[in-house]
Amino acid sequence: MTAQTSMLHIRVDDDTKAQATEALDAMGLSVSDAVRLFLRRIVVDQAFPLELKVPNAKTRAAMKESRAIMAARRARFANADELFADLEKNSGK
């Protein structure tokens, strides 16, 4: 006996859908397969399958900075070398 199924309609931006589809294709899964797996984990575990946390002060500050950069549509670094130099300087090594 086959289980009765129903349609699930969700809205997601085109870019996210395309990137997720590409990643899932590489794993041998469709978007529908991934959604079914996600929902199945919720049923089995009776919990959300991803860890959700309220961001700490440092993370909130980084998120705020990121939004400001995106709103201004400006790059923080002129090139990749500057980015890597900053990462090395601030990595604590």
PDB file of N, CA and C in Angstrom:
ATOM      1  N   MET A   1       0.850  -1.171   0.000  1.00  0.00           N
ATOM      2  CA  MET A   1       0.000   0.000   0.000  1.00  0.00           C
ATOM      3  C   MET A   1       0.898   1.237   0.000  1.00  0.00           C
ATOM      4  N   THR A   2       0.632   2.160  -0.893  1.00  0.00           N
ATOM      5  CA  THR A   2       1.425   3.385  -0.949  1.00  0.00           C
ATOM      6  C   THR A   2       0.824   4.434  -0.036  1.00  0.00           C
ATOM      7  N   ALA A   3       1.692   5.228   0.548  1.00  0.00           N
ATOM      8  CA  ALA A   3       1.245   6.285   1.449  1.00  0.00           C
ATOM      9  C   ALA A   3       0.645   7.423   0.636  1.00  0.00           C
ATOM     10  N   GLN A   4      -0.379   8.025   1.188  1.00  0.00           N
ATOM     11  CA  GLN A   4      -0.967   9.198   0.552  1.00  0.00           C
ATOM     12  C   GLN A   4       0.010  10.358   0.703  1.00  0.00           C
ATOM     13  N   THR A   5       0.185  11.129  -0.338  1.00  0.00           N
ATOM     14  CA  THR A   5       1.113  12.261  -0.292  1.00  0.00           C
ATOM     15  C   THR A   5       0.359  13.559  -0.503  1.00  0.00           C
ATOM     16  N   SER A   6       0.973  14.645  -0.088  1.00  0.00           N
ATOM     17  CA  SER A   6       0.409  15.963  -0.353  1.00  0.00           C
ATOM     18  C   SER A   6       1.514  16.884  -0.839  1.00  0.00           C
ATOM     19  N   MET A   7       1.108  17.935  -1.491  1.00  0.00           N
ATOM     20  CA  MET A   7       2.049  18.915  -2.029  1.00  0.00           C
ATOM     21  C   MET A   7       2.424  19.904  -0.936  1.00  0.00           C
ATOM     22  N   LEU A   8       3.672  20.316  -0.962  1.00  0.00           N
ATOM     23  CA  LEU A   8       4.169  21.332  -0.057  1.00  0.00           C
ATOM     24  C   LEU A   8       4.756  22.438  -0.922  1.00  0.00           C
ATOM     25  N   HIS A   9       4.247  23.634  -0.774  1.00  0.00           N
ATOM     26  CA  HIS A   9       4.722  24.768  -1.566  1.00  0.00           C
ATOM     27  C   HIS A   9       5.498  25.700  -0.641  1.00  0.00           C
ATOM     28  N   ILE A  10       6.706  26.037  -1.058  1.00  0.00           N
ATOM     29  CA  ILE A  10       7.522  26.974  -0.279  1.00  0.00           C
ATOM     30  C   ILE A  10       8.052  28.057  -1.204  1.00  0.00           C
ATOM     31  N   ARG A  11       8.376  29.195  -0.629  1.00  0.00           N
ATOM     32  CA  ARG A  11       8.974  30.283  -1.403  1.00  0.00           C
ATOM     33  C   ARG A  11      10.415  30.446  -0.961  1.00  0.00           C
ATOM     34  N   VAL A  12      11.292  30.540  -1.939  1.00  0.00           N
ATOM     35  CA  VAL A  12      12.711  30.758  -1.688  1.00  0.00           C
ATOM     36  C   VAL A  12      13.255  31.547  -2.871  1.00  0.00           C
ATOM     37  N   ASP A  13      14.249  32.403  -2.610  1.00  0.00           N
ATOM     38  CA  ASP A  13      14.763  33.210  -3.713  1.00  0.00           C
ATOM     39  C   ASP A  13      15.463  32.321  -4.746  1.00  0.00           C
ATOM     40  N   ASP A  14      15.477  32.777  -5.983  1.00  0.00           N
ATOM     41  CA  ASP A  14      16.000  31.985  -7.108  1.00  0.00           C
ATOM     42  C   ASP A  14      17.453  31.573  -6.910  1.00  0.00           C
ATOM     43  N   ASP A  15      18.273  32.475  -6.369  1.00  0.00           N
ATOM     44  CA  ASP A  15      19.693  32.180  -6.194  1.00  0.00           C
ATOM     45  C   ASP A  15      19.893  31.050  -5.187  1.00  0.00           C
ATOM     46  N   THR A  16      19.189  31.111  -4.061  1.00  0.00           N
ATOM     47  CA  THR A  16      19.294  30.050  -3.052  1.00  0.00           C
ATOM     48  C   THR A  16      18.841  28.721  -3.633  1.00  0.00           C
ATOM     49  N   LYS A  17      17.742  28.743  -4.361  1.00  0.00           N
ATOM     50  CA  LYS A  17      17.230  27.510  -4.965  1.00  0.00           C
ATOM     51  C   LYS A  17      18.245  26.915  -5.933  1.00  0.00           C
ATOM     52  N   ALA A  18      18.836  27.755  -6.776  1.00  0.00           N
ATOM     53  CA  ALA A  18      19.805  27.276  -7.765  1.00  0.00           C
ATOM     54  C   ALA A  18      21.038  26.696  -7.080  1.00  0.00           C
ATOM     55  N   GLN A  19      21.549  27.397  -6.066  1.00  0.00           N
ATOM     56  CA  GLN A  19      22.743  26.916  -5.363  1.00  0.00           C
ATOM     57  C   GLN A  19      22.457  25.629  -4.600  1.00  0.00           C
ATOM     58  N   ALA A  20      21.302  25.565  -3.963  1.00  0.00           N
ATOM     59  CA  ALA A  20      20.933  24.352  -3.221  1.00  0.00           C
ATOM     60  C   ALA A  20      20.737  23.184  -4.182  1.00  0.00           C
ATOM     61  N   THR A  21      20.097  23.443  -5.304  1.00  0.00           N
ATOM     62  CA  THR A  21      19.871  22.394  -6.294  1.00  0.00           C
ATOM     63  C   THR A  21      21.196  21.834  -6.791  1.00  0.00           C
ATOM     64  N   GLU A  22      22.151  22.716  -7.078  1.00  0.00           N
ATOM     65  CA  GLU A  22      23.471  22.282  -7.546  1.00  0.00           C
ATOM     66  C   GLU A  22      24.183  21.436  -6.490  1.00  0.00           C
ATOM     67  N   ALA A  23      24.167  21.900  -5.252  1.00  0.00           N
ATOM     68  CA  ALA A  23      24.823  21.158  -4.168  1.00  0.00           C
ATOM     69  C   ALA A  23      24.151  19.804  -3.950  1.00  0.00           C
ATOM     70  N   LEU A  24      22.837  19.796  -3.946  1.00  0.00           N
ATOM     71  CA  LEU A  24      22.107  18.543  -3.735  1.00  0.00           C
ATOM     72  C   LEU A  24      22.308  17.575  -4.893  1.00  0.00           C
ATOM     73  N   ASP A  25      22.347  18.100  -6.121  1.00  0.00           N
ATOM     74  CA  ASP A  25      22.625  17.247  -7.285  1.00  0.00           C
ATOM     75  C   ASP A  25      23.953  16.521  -7.106  1.00  0.00           C
ATOM     76  N   ALA A  26      24.949  17.237  -6.598  1.00  0.00           N
ATOM     77  CA  ALA A  26      26.266  16.633  -6.375  1.00  0.00           C
ATOM     78  C   ALA A  26      26.201  15.516  -5.342  1.00  0.00           C
ATOM     79  N   MET A  27      25.204  15.578  -4.456  1.00  0.00           N
ATOM     80  CA  MET A  27      25.021  14.545  -3.438  1.00  0.00           C
ATOM     81  C   MET A  27      24.075  13.442  -3.900  1.00  0.00           C
ATOM     82  N   GLY A  28      23.546  13.613  -5.115  1.00  0.00           N
ATOM     83  CA  GLY A  28      22.604  12.618  -5.628  1.00  0.00           C
ATOM     84  C   GLY A  28      21.190  12.793  -5.097  1.00  0.00           C
ATOM     85  N   LEU A  29      20.867  13.989  -4.653  1.00  0.00           N
ATOM     86  CA  LEU A  29      19.543  14.263  -4.092  1.00  0.00           C
ATOM     87  C   LEU A  29      18.858  15.375  -4.866  1.00  0.00           C
ATOM     88  N   SER A  30      17.545  15.332  -4.855  1.00  0.00           N
ATOM     89  CA  SER A  30      16.752  16.436  -5.395  1.00  0.00           C
ATOM     90  C   SER A  30      16.369  17.353  -4.239  1.00  0.00           C
ATOM     91  N   VAL A  31      15.863  18.522  -4.569  1.00  0.00           N
ATOM     92  CA  VAL A  31      15.374  19.424  -3.526  1.00  0.00           C
ATOM     93  C   VAL A  31      14.236  18.745  -2.764  1.00  0.00           C
ATOM     94  N   SER A  32      13.367  18.063  -3.483  1.00  0.00           N
ATOM     95  CA  SER A  32      12.262  17.344  -2.824  1.00  0.00           C
ATOM     96  C   SER A  32      12.787  16.281  -1.867  1.00  0.00           C
ATOM     97  N   ASP A  33      13.832  15.537  -2.294  1.00  0.00           N
ATOM     98  CA  ASP A  33      14.435  14.530  -1.408  1.00  0.00           C
ATOM     99  C   ASP A  33      14.947  15.191  -0.131  1.00  0.00           C
ATOM    100  N   ALA A  34      15.623  16.330  -0.280  1.00  0.00           N
ATOM    101  CA  ALA A  34      16.197  17.024   0.872  1.00  0.00           C
ATOM    102  C   ALA A  34      15.111  17.502   1.826  1.00  0.00           C
ATOM    103  N   VAL A  35      14.025  18.038   1.286  1.00  0.00           N
ATOM    104  CA  VAL A  35      12.925  18.499   2.139  1.00  0.00           C
ATOM    105  C   VAL A  35      12.292  17.312   2.859  1.00  0.00           C
ATOM    106  N   ARG A  36      12.100  16.197   2.145  1.00  0.00           N
ATOM    107  CA  ARG A  36      11.541  15.002   2.788  1.00  0.00           C
ATOM    108  C   ARG A  36      12.450  14.516   3.917  1.00  0.00           C
ATOM    109  N   LEU A  37      13.780  14.494   3.678  1.00  0.00           N
ATOM    110  CA  LEU A  37      14.728  14.086   4.724  1.00  0.00           C
ATOM    111  C   LEU A  37      14.658  15.022   5.925  1.00  0.00           C
ATOM    112  N   PHE A  38      14.619  16.317   5.651  1.00  0.00           N
ATOM    113  CA  PHE A  38      14.531  17.320   6.699  1.00  0.00           C
ATOM    114  C   PHE A  38      13.289  17.083   7.562  1.00  0.00           C
ATOM    115  N   LEU A  39      12.141  16.937   6.923  1.00  0.00           N
ATOM    116  CA  LEU A  39      10.894  16.729   7.666  1.00  0.00           C
ATOM    117  C   LEU A  39      10.901  15.394   8.404  1.00  0.00           C
ATOM    118  N   ARG A  40      11.498  14.374   7.792  1.00  0.00           N
ATOM    119  CA  ARG A  40      11.572  13.068   8.439  1.00  0.00           C
ATOM    120  C   ARG A  40      12.399  13.144   9.725  1.00  0.00           C
ATOM    121  N   ARG A  41      13.512  13.905   9.696  1.00  0.00           N
ATOM    122  CA  ARG A  41      14.335  14.069  10.896  1.00  0.00           C
ATOM    123  C   ARG A  41      13.533  14.740  12.010  1.00  0.00           C
ATOM    124  N   ILE A  42      12.710  15.701  11.654  1.00  0.00           N
ATOM    125  CA  ILE A  42      11.869  16.366  12.655  1.00  0.00           C
ATOM    126  C   ILE A  42      10.928  15.356  13.288  1.00  0.00           C
ATOM    127  N   VAL A  43      10.334  14.514  12.464  1.00  0.00           N
ATOM    128  CA  VAL A  43       9.405  13.501  12.973  1.00  0.00           C
ATOM    129  C   VAL A  43      10.128  12.504  13.872  1.00  0.00           C
ATOM    130  N   VAL A  44      11.243  11.979  13.410  1.00  0.00           N
ATOM    131  CA  VAL A  44      11.972  10.952  14.162  1.00  0.00           C
ATOM    132  C   VAL A  44      12.532  11.499  15.467  1.00  0.00           C
ATOM    133  N   ASP A  45      13.172  12.676  15.407  1.00  0.00           N
ATOM    134  CA  ASP A  45      13.842  13.233  16.580  1.00  0.00           C
ATOM    135  C   ASP A  45      12.937  14.099  17.448  1.00  0.00           C
ATOM    136  N   GLN A  46      11.775  14.493  16.903  1.00  0.00           N
ATOM    137  CA  GLN A  46      10.888  15.419  17.600  1.00  0.00           C
ATOM    138  C   GLN A  46      11.651  16.684  17.991  1.00  0.00           C
ATOM    139  N   ALA A  47      12.507  17.131  17.071  1.00  0.00           N
ATOM    140  CA  ALA A  47      13.324  18.322  17.295  1.00  0.00           C
ATOM    141  C   ALA A  47      13.717  18.910  15.948  1.00  0.00           C
ATOM    142  N   PHE A  48      14.050  20.181  15.960  1.00  0.00           N
ATOM    143  CA  PHE A  48      14.550  20.826  14.750  1.00  0.00           C
ATOM    144  C   PHE A  48      15.941  20.277  14.488  1.00  0.00           C
ATOM    145  N   PRO A  49      16.243  19.820  13.277  1.00  0.00           N
ATOM    146  CA  PRO A  49      17.504  19.121  13.032  1.00  0.00           C
ATOM    147  C   PRO A  49      18.741  20.014  12.901  1.00  0.00           C
ATOM    148  N   LEU A  50      18.600  21.285  13.109  1.00  0.00           N
ATOM    149  CA  LEU A  50      19.730  22.202  13.064  1.00  0.00           C
ATOM    150  C   LEU A  50      19.790  22.955  14.385  1.00  0.00           C
ATOM    151  N   GLU A  51      20.996  23.260  14.821  1.00  0.00           N
ATOM    152  CA  GLU A  51      21.143  23.995  16.072  1.00  0.00           C
ATOM    153  C   GLU A  51      20.870  25.479  15.817  1.00  0.00           C
ATOM    154  N   LEU A  52      19.924  26.011  16.539  1.00  0.00           N
ATOM    155  CA  LEU A  52      19.592  27.422  16.430  1.00  0.00           C
ATOM    156  C   LEU A  52      19.976  28.113  17.725  1.00  0.00           C
ATOM    157  N   LYS A  53      20.713  29.204  17.591  1.00  0.00           N
ATOM    158  CA  LYS A  53      21.149  29.942  18.768  1.00  0.00           C
ATOM    159  C   LYS A  53      20.912  31.428  18.550  1.00  0.00           C
ATOM    160  N   VAL A  54      20.698  32.128  19.641  1.00  0.00           N
ATOM    161  CA  VAL A  54      20.672  33.583  19.587  1.00  0.00           C
ATOM    162  C   VAL A  54      22.127  34.011  19.464  1.00  0.00           C
ATOM    163  N   PRO A  55      22.461  34.840  18.479  1.00  0.00           N
ATOM    164  CA  PRO A  55      23.857  35.224  18.303  1.00  0.00           C
ATOM    165  C   PRO A  55      24.376  36.055  19.478  1.00  0.00           C
ATOM    166  N   ASN A  56      25.659  35.827  19.819  1.00  0.00           N
ATOM    167  CA  ASN A  56      26.270  36.598  20.900  1.00  0.00           C
ATOM    168  C   ASN A  56      26.607  38.006  20.401  1.00  0.00           C
ATOM    169  N   ALA A  57      27.118  38.843  21.281  1.00  0.00           N
ATOM    170  CA  ALA A  57      27.386  40.243  20.945  1.00  0.00           C
ATOM    171  C   ALA A  57      28.379  40.374  19.795  1.00  0.00           C
ATOM    172  N   LYS A  58      29.431  39.551  19.802  1.00  0.00           N
ATOM    173  CA  LYS A  58      30.436  39.618  18.735  1.00  0.00           C
ATOM    174  C   LYS A  58      29.816  39.245  17.381  1.00  0.00           C
ATOM    175  N   THR A  59      28.997  38.207  17.370  1.00  0.00           N
ATOM    176  CA  THR A  59      28.346  37.784  16.134  1.00  0.00           C
ATOM    177  C   THR A  59      27.355  38.835  15.659  1.00  0.00           C
ATOM    178  N   ARG A  60      26.593  39.417  16.592  1.00  0.00           N
ATOM    179  CA  ARG A  60      25.642  40.473  16.210  1.00  0.00           C
ATOM    180  C   ARG A  60      26.368  41.665  15.602  1.00  0.00           C
ATOM    181  N   ALA A  61      27.527  42.023  16.167  1.00  0.00           N
ATOM    182  CA  ALA A  61      28.313  43.138  15.628  1.00  0.00           C
ATOM    183  C   ALA A  61      28.804  42.815  14.216  1.00  0.00           C
ATOM    184  N   ALA A  62      29.248  41.579  14.008  1.00  0.00           N
ATOM    185  CA  ALA A  62      29.710  41.169  12.677  1.00  0.00           C
ATOM    186  C   ALA A  62      28.558  41.172  11.678  1.00  0.00           C
ATOM    187  N   MET A  63      27.386  40.739  12.126  1.00  0.00           N
ATOM    188  CA  MET A  63      26.213  40.745  11.246  1.00  0.00           C
ATOM    189  C   MET A  63      25.831  42.178  10.869  1.00  0.00           C
ATOM    190  N   LYS A  64      25.892  43.074  11.858  1.00  0.00           N
ATOM    191  CA  LYS A  64      25.574  44.478  11.608  1.00  0.00           C
ATOM    192  C   LYS A  64      26.567  45.078  10.613  1.00  0.00           C
ATOM    193  N   GLU A  65      27.848  44.783  10.811  1.00  0.00           N
ATOM    194  CA  GLU A  65      28.879  45.276   9.890  1.00  0.00           C
ATOM    195  C   GLU A  65      28.654  44.733   8.482  1.00  0.00           C
ATOM    196  N   SER A  66      28.333  43.462   8.389  1.00  0.00           N
ATOM    197  CA  SER A  66      28.084  42.834   7.094  1.00  0.00           C
ATOM    198  C   SER A  66      26.906  43.493   6.374  1.00  0.00           C
ATOM    199  N   ARG A  67      25.844  43.740   7.123  1.00  0.00           N
ATOM    200  CA  ARG A  67      24.672  44.398   6.509  1.00  0.00           C
ATOM    201  C   ARG A  67      25.013  45.811   6.029  1.00  0.00           C
ATOM    202  N   ALA A  68      25.829  46.512   6.804  1.00  0.00           N
ATOM    203  CA  ALA A  68      26.235  47.869   6.404  1.00  0.00           C
ATOM    204  C   ALA A  68      27.084  47.822   5.136  1.00  0.00           C
ATOM    205  N   ILE A  69      27.983  46.853   5.061  1.00  0.00           N
ATOM    206  CA  ILE A  69      28.817  46.705   3.863  1.00  0.00           C
ATOM    207  C   ILE A  69      27.945  46.387   2.655  1.00  0.00           C
ATOM    208  N   MET A  70      26.993  45.460   2.840  1.00  0.00           N
ATOM    209  CA  MET A  70      26.105  45.106   1.720  1.00  0.00           C
ATOM    210  C   MET A  70      25.236  46.289   1.313  1.00  0.00           C
ATOM    211  N   ALA A  71      24.759  47.050   2.286  1.00  0.00           N
ATOM    212  CA  ALA A  71      23.912  48.205   1.984  1.00  0.00           C
ATOM    213  C   ALA A  71      24.700  49.264   1.220  1.00  0.00           C
ATOM    214  N   ALA A  72      25.963  49.420   1.581  1.00  0.00           N
ATOM    215  CA  ALA A  72      26.812  50.405   0.906  1.00  0.00           C
ATOM    216  C   ALA A  72      27.373  49.844  -0.397  1.00  0.00           C
ATOM    217  N   ARG A  73      27.222  48.545  -0.576  1.00  0.00           N
ATOM    218  CA  ARG A  73      27.743  47.855  -1.767  1.00  0.00           C
ATOM    219  C   ARG A  73      29.221  48.191  -1.997  1.00  0.00           C
ATOM    220  N   ARG A  74      29.995  48.123  -0.916  1.00  0.00           N
ATOM    221  CA  ARG A  74      31.417  48.410  -1.019  1.00  0.00           C
ATOM    222  C   ARG A  74      32.205  47.214  -0.502  1.00  0.00           C
ATOM    223  N   ALA A  75      33.370  47.038  -1.028  1.00  0.00           N
ATOM    224  CA  ALA A  75      34.248  45.961  -0.576  1.00  0.00           C
ATOM    225  C   ALA A  75      35.096  46.455   0.581  1.00  0.00           C
ATOM    226  N   ARG A  76      35.306  45.616   1.554  1.00  0.00           N
ATOM    227  CA  ARG A  76      36.134  45.972   2.699  1.00  0.00           C
ATOM    228  C   ARG A  76      37.615  45.921   2.331  1.00  0.00           C
ATOM    229  N   PHE A  77      37.948  45.088   1.344  1.00  0.00           N
ATOM    230  CA  PHE A  77      39.326  44.936   0.902  1.00  0.00           C
ATOM    231  C   PHE A  77      39.389  45.190  -0.596  1.00  0.00           C
ATOM    232  N   ALA A  78      40.488  45.773  -1.029  1.00  0.00           N
ATOM    233  CA  ALA A  78      40.644  46.104  -2.449  1.00  0.00           C
ATOM    234  C   ALA A  78      40.903  44.857  -3.291  1.00  0.00           C
ATOM    235  N   ASN A  79      41.502  43.833  -2.661  1.00  0.00           N
ATOM    236  CA  ASN A  79      41.798  42.610  -3.409  1.00  0.00           C
ATOM    237  C   ASN A  79      41.958  41.454  -2.424  1.00  0.00           C
ATOM    238  N   ALA A  80      42.164  40.272  -2.970  1.00  0.00           N
ATOM    239  CA  ALA A  80      42.265  39.063  -2.149  1.00  0.00           C
ATOM    240  C   ALA A  80      43.493  39.095  -1.253  1.00  0.00           C
ATOM    241  N   ASP A  81      44.597  39.679  -1.743  1.00  0.00           N
ATOM    242  CA  ASP A  81      45.812  39.746  -0.923  1.00  0.00           C
ATOM    243  C   ASP A  81      45.565  40.522   0.367  1.00  0.00           C
ATOM    244  N   GLU A  82      44.830  41.639   0.265  1.00  0.00           N
ATOM    245  CA  GLU A  82      44.500  42.423   1.464  1.00  0.00           C
ATOM    246  C   GLU A  82      43.636  41.613   2.425  1.00  0.00           C
ATOM    247  N   LEU A  83      42.684  40.874   1.873  1.00  0.00           N
ATOM    248  CA  LEU A  83      41.820  40.029   2.696  1.00  0.00           C
ATOM    249  C   LEU A  83      42.649  39.002   3.459  1.00  0.00           C
ATOM    250  N   PHE A  84      43.528  38.274   2.750  1.00  0.00           N
ATOM    251  CA  PHE A  84      44.325  37.248   3.397  1.00  0.00           C
ATOM    252  C   PHE A  84      45.298  37.837   4.409  1.00  0.00           C
ATOM    253  N   ALA A  85      45.862  39.012   4.108  1.00  0.00           N
ATOM    254  CA  ALA A  85      46.761  39.661   5.061  1.00  0.00           C
ATOM    255  C   ALA A  85      46.008  40.006   6.347  1.00  0.00           C
ATOM    256  N   ASP A  86      44.778  40.502   6.208  1.00  0.00           N
ATOM    257  CA  ASP A  86      43.970  40.832   7.376  1.00  0.00           C
ATOM    258  C   ASP A  86      43.624  39.570   8.168  1.00  0.00           C
ATOM    259  N   LEU A  87      43.276  38.497   7.471  1.00  0.00           N
ATOM    260  CA  LEU A  87      42.964  37.235   8.152  1.00  0.00           C
ATOM    261  C   LEU A  87      44.174  36.728   8.930  1.00  0.00           C
ATOM    262  N   GLU A  88      45.356  36.777   8.315  1.00  0.00           N
ATOM    263  CA  GLU A  88      46.558  36.314   9.008  1.00  0.00           C
ATOM    264  C   GLU A  88      46.863  37.194  10.215  1.00  0.00           C
ATOM    265  N   LYS A  89      46.718  38.515  10.050  1.00  0.00           N
ATOM    266  CA  LYS A  89      46.995  39.456  11.136  1.00  0.00           C
ATOM    267  C   LYS A  89      46.070  39.218  12.324  1.00  0.00           C
ATOM    268  N   ASN A  90      44.817  38.885  12.052  1.00  0.00           N
ATOM    269  CA  ASN A  90      43.811  38.760  13.105  1.00  0.00           C
ATOM    270  C   ASN A  90      43.517  37.324  13.519  1.00  0.00           C
ATOM    271  N   SER A  91      44.291  36.378  13.021  1.00  0.00           N
ATOM    272  CA  SER A  91      44.020  34.974  13.345  1.00  0.00           C
ATOM    273  C   SER A  91      44.570  34.554  14.694  1.00  0.00           C
ATOM    274  N   GLY A  92      45.424  35.393  15.278  1.00  0.00           N
ATOM    275  CA  GLY A  92      45.969  35.075  16.592  1.00  0.00           C
ATOM    276  C   GLY A  92      47.142  34.127  16.542  1.00  0.00           C
ATOM    277  N   LYS A  93      47.679  33.887  15.362  1.00  0.00           N
ATOM    278  CA  LYS A  93      48.823  32.968  15.238  1.00  0.00           C
ATOM    279  C   LYS A  93      50.122  33.717  15.273  1.00  0.00           C
TER     280      LYS A  93
END
